[in-house]
């Protein structure tokens, strides 16, 4: 193996880690938005069920 051939592999590994972290962050962000949108609806449904 040549001394210069290990750097690209490290770069690719770092990029993969960054991409995974970003994907995870985006997924958790989307999940949070969905949760915030669904929570009021669930509360409204529960309130309606209690009223009737």
PDB file of N, CA and C in Angstrom:
ATOM      1  N   UNK A   1       0.842  -1.196   0.000  1.00  0.00           N
ATOM      2  CA  UNK A   1       0.000   0.000   0.000  1.00  0.00           C
ATOM      3  C   UNK A   1       0.880   1.249   0.000  1.00  0.00           C
ATOM      4  N   UNK A   2       0.548   2.236  -0.791  1.00  0.00           N
ATOM      5  CA  UNK A   2       1.325   3.471  -0.843  1.00  0.00           C
ATOM      6  C   UNK A   2       0.905   4.411   0.283  1.00  0.00           C
ATOM      7  N   UNK A   3       1.818   5.276   0.712  1.00  0.00           N
ATOM      8  CA  UNK A   3       1.503   6.195   1.821  1.00  0.00           C
ATOM      9  C   UNK A   3       0.337   7.128   1.502  1.00  0.00           C
ATOM     10  N   UNK A   4       0.193   7.523   0.227  1.00  0.00           N
ATOM     11  CA  UNK A   4      -0.847   8.480  -0.133  1.00  0.00           C
ATOM     12  C   UNK A   4      -2.211   7.854  -0.351  1.00  0.00           C
ATOM     13  N   UNK A   5      -2.295   6.526  -0.350  1.00  0.00           N
ATOM     14  CA  UNK A   5      -3.562   5.876  -0.700  1.00  0.00           C
ATOM     15  C   UNK A   5      -4.502   5.757   0.495  1.00  0.00           C
ATOM     16  N   UNK A   6      -4.004   6.045   1.698  1.00  0.00           N
ATOM     17  CA  UNK A   6      -4.863   5.909   2.880  1.00  0.00           C
ATOM     18  C   UNK A   6      -5.667   7.182   3.135  1.00  0.00           C
ATOM     19  N   UNK A   7      -5.203   8.307   2.579  1.00  0.00           N
ATOM     20  CA  UNK A   7      -5.915   9.576   2.811  1.00  0.00           C
ATOM     21  C   UNK A   7      -7.303   9.595   2.182  1.00  0.00           C
ATOM     22  N   UNK A   8      -7.455   9.207   0.921  1.00  0.00           N
ATOM     23  CA  UNK A   8      -8.810   9.200   0.336  1.00  0.00           C
ATOM     24  C   UNK A   8      -9.778   8.329   1.124  1.00  0.00           C
ATOM     25  N   UNK A   9      -9.297   7.185   1.610  1.00  0.00           N
ATOM     26  CA  UNK A   9     -10.169   6.300   2.383  1.00  0.00           C
ATOM     27  C   UNK A   9     -10.635   7.010   3.657  1.00  0.00           C
ATOM     28  N   UNK A  10      -9.714   7.725   4.303  1.00  0.00           N
ATOM     29  CA  UNK A  10     -10.085   8.477   5.505  1.00  0.00           C
ATOM     30  C   UNK A  10     -11.111   9.549   5.174  1.00  0.00           C
ATOM     31  N   UNK A  11     -10.884  10.244   4.059  1.00  0.00           N
ATOM     32  CA  UNK A  11     -11.826  11.288   3.643  1.00  0.00           C
ATOM     33  C   UNK A  11     -13.204  10.703   3.381  1.00  0.00           C
ATOM     34  N   UNK A  12     -13.227   9.574   2.674  1.00  0.00           N
ATOM     35  CA  UNK A  12     -14.505   8.926   2.368  1.00  0.00           C
ATOM     36  C   UNK A  12     -15.199   8.517   3.661  1.00  0.00           C
ATOM     37  N   UNK A  13     -14.430   7.984   4.608  1.00  0.00           N
ATOM     38  CA  UNK A  13     -14.998   7.585   5.895  1.00  0.00           C
ATOM     39  C   UNK A  13     -15.596   8.772   6.632  1.00  0.00           C
ATOM     40  N   UNK A  14     -14.846   9.892   6.629  1.00  0.00           N
ATOM     41  CA  UNK A  14     -15.342  11.098   7.292  1.00  0.00           C
ATOM     42  C   UNK A  14     -16.614  11.604   6.626  1.00  0.00           C
ATOM     43  N   UNK A  15     -16.614  11.602   5.291  1.00  0.00           N
ATOM     44  CA  UNK A  15     -17.797  12.065   4.561  1.00  0.00           C
ATOM     45  C   UNK A  15     -18.998  11.186   4.877  1.00  0.00           C
ATOM     46  N   UNK A  16     -18.735   9.879   4.962  1.00  0.00           N
ATOM     47  CA  UNK A  16     -19.839   8.955   5.281  1.00  0.00           C
ATOM     48  C   UNK A  16     -20.393   9.249   6.665  1.00  0.00           C
ATOM     49  N   UNK A  17     -19.486   9.468   7.627  1.00  0.00           N
ATOM     50  CA  UNK A  17     -19.932   9.780   8.989  1.00  0.00           C
ATOM     51  C   UNK A  17     -20.750  11.067   9.008  1.00  0.00           C
ATOM     52  N   UNK A  18     -20.258  12.086   8.284  1.00  0.00           N
ATOM     53  CA  UNK A  18     -20.989  13.358   8.226  1.00  0.00           C
ATOM     54  C   UNK A  18     -22.360  13.164   7.607  1.00  0.00           C
ATOM     55  N   UNK A  19     -22.408  12.395   6.519  1.00  0.00           N
ATOM     56  CA  UNK A  19     -23.683  12.162   5.836  1.00  0.00           C
ATOM     57  C   UNK A  19     -24.646  11.428   6.760  1.00  0.00           C
ATOM     58  N   UNK A  20     -24.132  10.423   7.475  1.00  0.00           N
ATOM     59  CA  UNK A  20     -24.986   9.672   8.398  1.00  0.00           C
ATOM     60  C   UNK A  20     -25.513  10.587   9.500  1.00  0.00           C
ATOM     61  N   UNK A  21     -24.633  11.421  10.048  1.00  0.00           N
ATOM     62  CA  UNK A  21     -25.047  12.340  11.103  1.00  0.00           C
ATOM     63  C   UNK A  21     -26.106  13.305  10.608  1.00  0.00           C
ATOM     64  N   UNK A  22     -25.894  13.806   9.381  1.00  0.00           N
ATOM     65  CA  UNK A  22     -26.858  14.759   8.823  1.00  0.00           C
ATOM     66  C   UNK A  22     -28.192  14.073   8.571  1.00  0.00           C
ATOM     67  N   UNK A  23     -28.135  12.849   8.042  1.00  0.00           N
ATOM     68  CA  UNK A  23     -29.364  12.089   7.798  1.00  0.00           C
ATOM     69  C   UNK A  23     -30.111  11.888   9.103  1.00  0.00           C
ATOM     70  N   UNK A  24     -29.371  11.515  10.157  1.00  0.00           N
ATOM     71  CA  UNK A  24     -30.001  11.276  11.452  1.00  0.00           C
ATOM     72  C   UNK A  24     -30.639  12.559  11.970  1.00  0.00           C
ATOM     73  N   UNK A  25     -29.914  13.682  11.799  1.00  0.00           N
ATOM     74  CA  UNK A  25     -30.436  14.954  12.286  1.00  0.00           C
ATOM     75  C   UNK A  25     -31.704  15.338  11.535  1.00  0.00           C
ATOM     76  N   UNK A  26     -31.670  15.163  10.216  1.00  0.00           N
ATOM     77  CA  UNK A  26     -32.838  15.497   9.392  1.00  0.00           C
ATOM     78  C   UNK A  26     -34.014  14.602   9.770  1.00  0.00           C
ATOM     79  N   UNK A  27     -33.732  13.304   9.968  1.00  0.00           N
ATOM     80  CA  UNK A  27     -34.801  12.363  10.311  1.00  0.00           C
ATOM     81  C   UNK A  27     -35.422  12.732  11.656  1.00  0.00           C
ATOM     82  N   UNK A  28     -34.582  13.071  12.631  1.00  0.00           N
ATOM     83  CA  UNK A  28     -35.112  13.424  13.948  1.00  0.00           C
ATOM     84  C   UNK A  28     -35.873  14.746  13.883  1.00  0.00           C
ATOM     85  N   UNK A  29     -35.394  15.671  13.025  1.00  0.00           N
ATOM     86  CA  UNK A  29     -36.084  16.958  12.846  1.00  0.00           C
ATOM     87  C   UNK A  29     -37.469  16.732  12.256  1.00  0.00           C
ATOM     88  N   UNK A  30     -37.535  15.895  11.215  1.00  0.00           N
ATOM     89  CA  UNK A  30     -38.818  15.580  10.575  1.00  0.00           C
ATOM     90  C   UNK A  30     -39.738  14.886  11.573  1.00  0.00           C
ATOM     91  N   UNK A  31     -39.177  13.958  12.348  1.00  0.00           N
ATOM     92  CA  UNK A  31     -39.979  13.244  13.342  1.00  0.00           C
ATOM     93  C   UNK A  31     -40.533  14.227  14.372  1.00  0.00           C
ATOM     94  N   UNK A  32     -39.711  15.212  14.763  1.00  0.00           N
ATOM     95  CA  UNK A  32     -40.160  16.198  15.741  1.00  0.00           C
ATOM     96  C   UNK A  32     -41.312  17.022  15.172  1.00  0.00           C
ATOM     97  N   UNK A  33     -41.183  17.428  13.903  1.00  0.00           N
ATOM     98  CA  UNK A  33     -42.248  18.216  13.267  1.00  0.00           C
ATOM     99  C   UNK A  33     -43.531  17.391  13.188  1.00  0.00           C
ATOM    100  N   UNK A  34     -43.395  16.133  12.760  1.00  0.00           N
ATOM    101  CA  UNK A  34     -44.578  15.265  12.673  1.00  0.00           C
ATOM    102  C   UNK A  34     -45.209  15.103  14.052  1.00  0.00           C
ATOM    103  N   UNK A  35     -44.373  14.927  15.075  1.00  0.00           N
ATOM    104  CA  UNK A  35     -44.868  14.758  16.437  1.00  0.00           C
ATOM    105  C   UNK A  35     -45.643  15.993  16.875  1.00  0.00           C
ATOM    106  N   UNK A  36     -45.078  17.172  16.578  1.00  0.00           N
ATOM    107  CA  UNK A  36     -45.743  18.415  16.982  1.00  0.00           C
ATOM    108  C   UNK A  36     -47.037  18.631  16.215  1.00  0.00           C
ATOM    109  N   UNK A  37     -47.101  18.113  14.984  1.00  0.00           N
ATOM    110  CA  UNK A  37     -48.327  18.267  14.203  1.00  0.00           C
ATOM    111  C   UNK A  37     -49.386  17.260  14.649  1.00  0.00           C
ATOM    112  N   UNK A  38     -48.939  16.065  15.034  1.00  0.00           N
ATOM    113  CA  UNK A  38     -49.886  15.018  15.404  1.00  0.00           C
ATOM    114  C   UNK A  38     -50.398  15.195  16.829  1.00  0.00           C
ATOM    115  N   UNK A  39     -49.582  15.752  17.703  1.00  0.00           N
ATOM    116  CA  UNK A  39     -49.963  15.867  19.114  1.00  0.00           C
ATOM    117  C   UNK A  39     -51.229  16.699  19.307  1.00  0.00           C
ATOM    118  N   UNK A  40     -51.327  17.897  18.703  1.00  0.00           N
ATOM    119  CA  UNK A  40     -52.568  18.672  18.861  1.00  0.00           C
ATOM    120  C   UNK A  40     -53.785  17.934  18.312  1.00  0.00           C
ATOM    121  N   UNK A  41     -53.611  17.238  17.195  1.00  0.00           N
ATOM    122  CA  UNK A  41     -54.729  16.484  16.619  1.00  0.00           C
ATOM    123  C   UNK A  41     -55.188  15.402  17.586  1.00  0.00           C
ATOM    124  N   UNK A  42     -54.231  14.693  18.180  1.00  0.00           N
ATOM    125  CA  UNK A  42     -54.577  13.649  19.144  1.00  0.00           C
ATOM    126  C   UNK A  42     -55.288  14.268  20.344  1.00  0.00           C
ATOM    127  N   UNK A  43     -54.811  15.432  20.787  1.00  0.00           N
ATOM    128  CA  UNK A  43     -55.442  16.108  21.926  1.00  0.00           C
ATOM    129  C   UNK A  43     -56.870  16.514  21.579  1.00  0.00           C
ATOM    130  N   UNK A  44     -57.066  17.028  20.369  1.00  0.00           N
ATOM    131  CA  UNK A  44     -58.413  17.423  19.939  1.00  0.00           C
ATOM    132  C   UNK A  44     -59.343  16.220  19.905  1.00  0.00           C
ATOM    133  N   UNK A  45     -58.846  15.106  19.378  1.00  0.00           N
ATOM    134  CA  UNK A  45     -59.669  13.893  19.297  1.00  0.00           C
ATOM    135  C   UNK A  45     -60.053  13.439  20.701  1.00  0.00           C
ATOM    136  N   UNK A  46     -59.076  13.468  21.618  1.00  0.00           N
ATOM    137  CA  UNK A  46     -59.359  13.066  22.994  1.00  0.00           C
ATOM    138  C   UNK A  46     -60.387  14.002  23.623  1.00  0.00           C
ATOM    139  N   UNK A  47     -60.241  15.300  23.371  1.00  0.00           N
ATOM    140  CA  UNK A  47     -61.201  16.269  23.923  1.00  0.00           C
ATOM    141  C   UNK A  47     -62.598  16.017  23.378  1.00  0.00           C
ATOM    142  N   UNK A  48     -62.689  15.766  22.083  1.00  0.00           N
ATOM    143  CA  UNK A  48     -64.000  15.507  21.471  1.00  0.00           C
ATOM    144  C   UNK A  48     -64.633  14.255  22.065  1.00  0.00           C
ATOM    145  N   UNK A  49     -63.807  13.229  22.262  1.00  0.00           N
ATOM    146  CA  UNK A  49     -64.337  11.988  22.829  1.00  0.00           C
ATOM    147  C   UNK A  49     -64.838  12.222  24.253  1.00  0.00           C
ATOM    148  N   UNK A  50     -64.164  13.083  24.985  1.00  0.00           N
ATOM    149  CA  UNK A  50     -64.585  13.369  26.354  1.00  0.00           C
ATOM    150  C   UNK A  50     -65.843  14.224  26.383  1.00  0.00           C
ATOM    151  N   UNK A  51     -65.995  15.104  25.393  1.00  0.00           N
ATOM    152  CA  UNK A  51     -67.157  16.003  25.372  1.00  0.00           C
ATOM    153  C   UNK A  51     -68.430  15.247  25.025  1.00  0.00           C
ATOM    154  N   UNK A  52     -68.335  14.353  24.045  1.00  0.00           N
ATOM    155  CA  UNK A  52     -69.541  13.653  23.601  1.00  0.00           C
ATOM    156  C   UNK A  52     -69.878  12.507  24.516  1.00  0.00           C
TER     157      UNK A  52
END
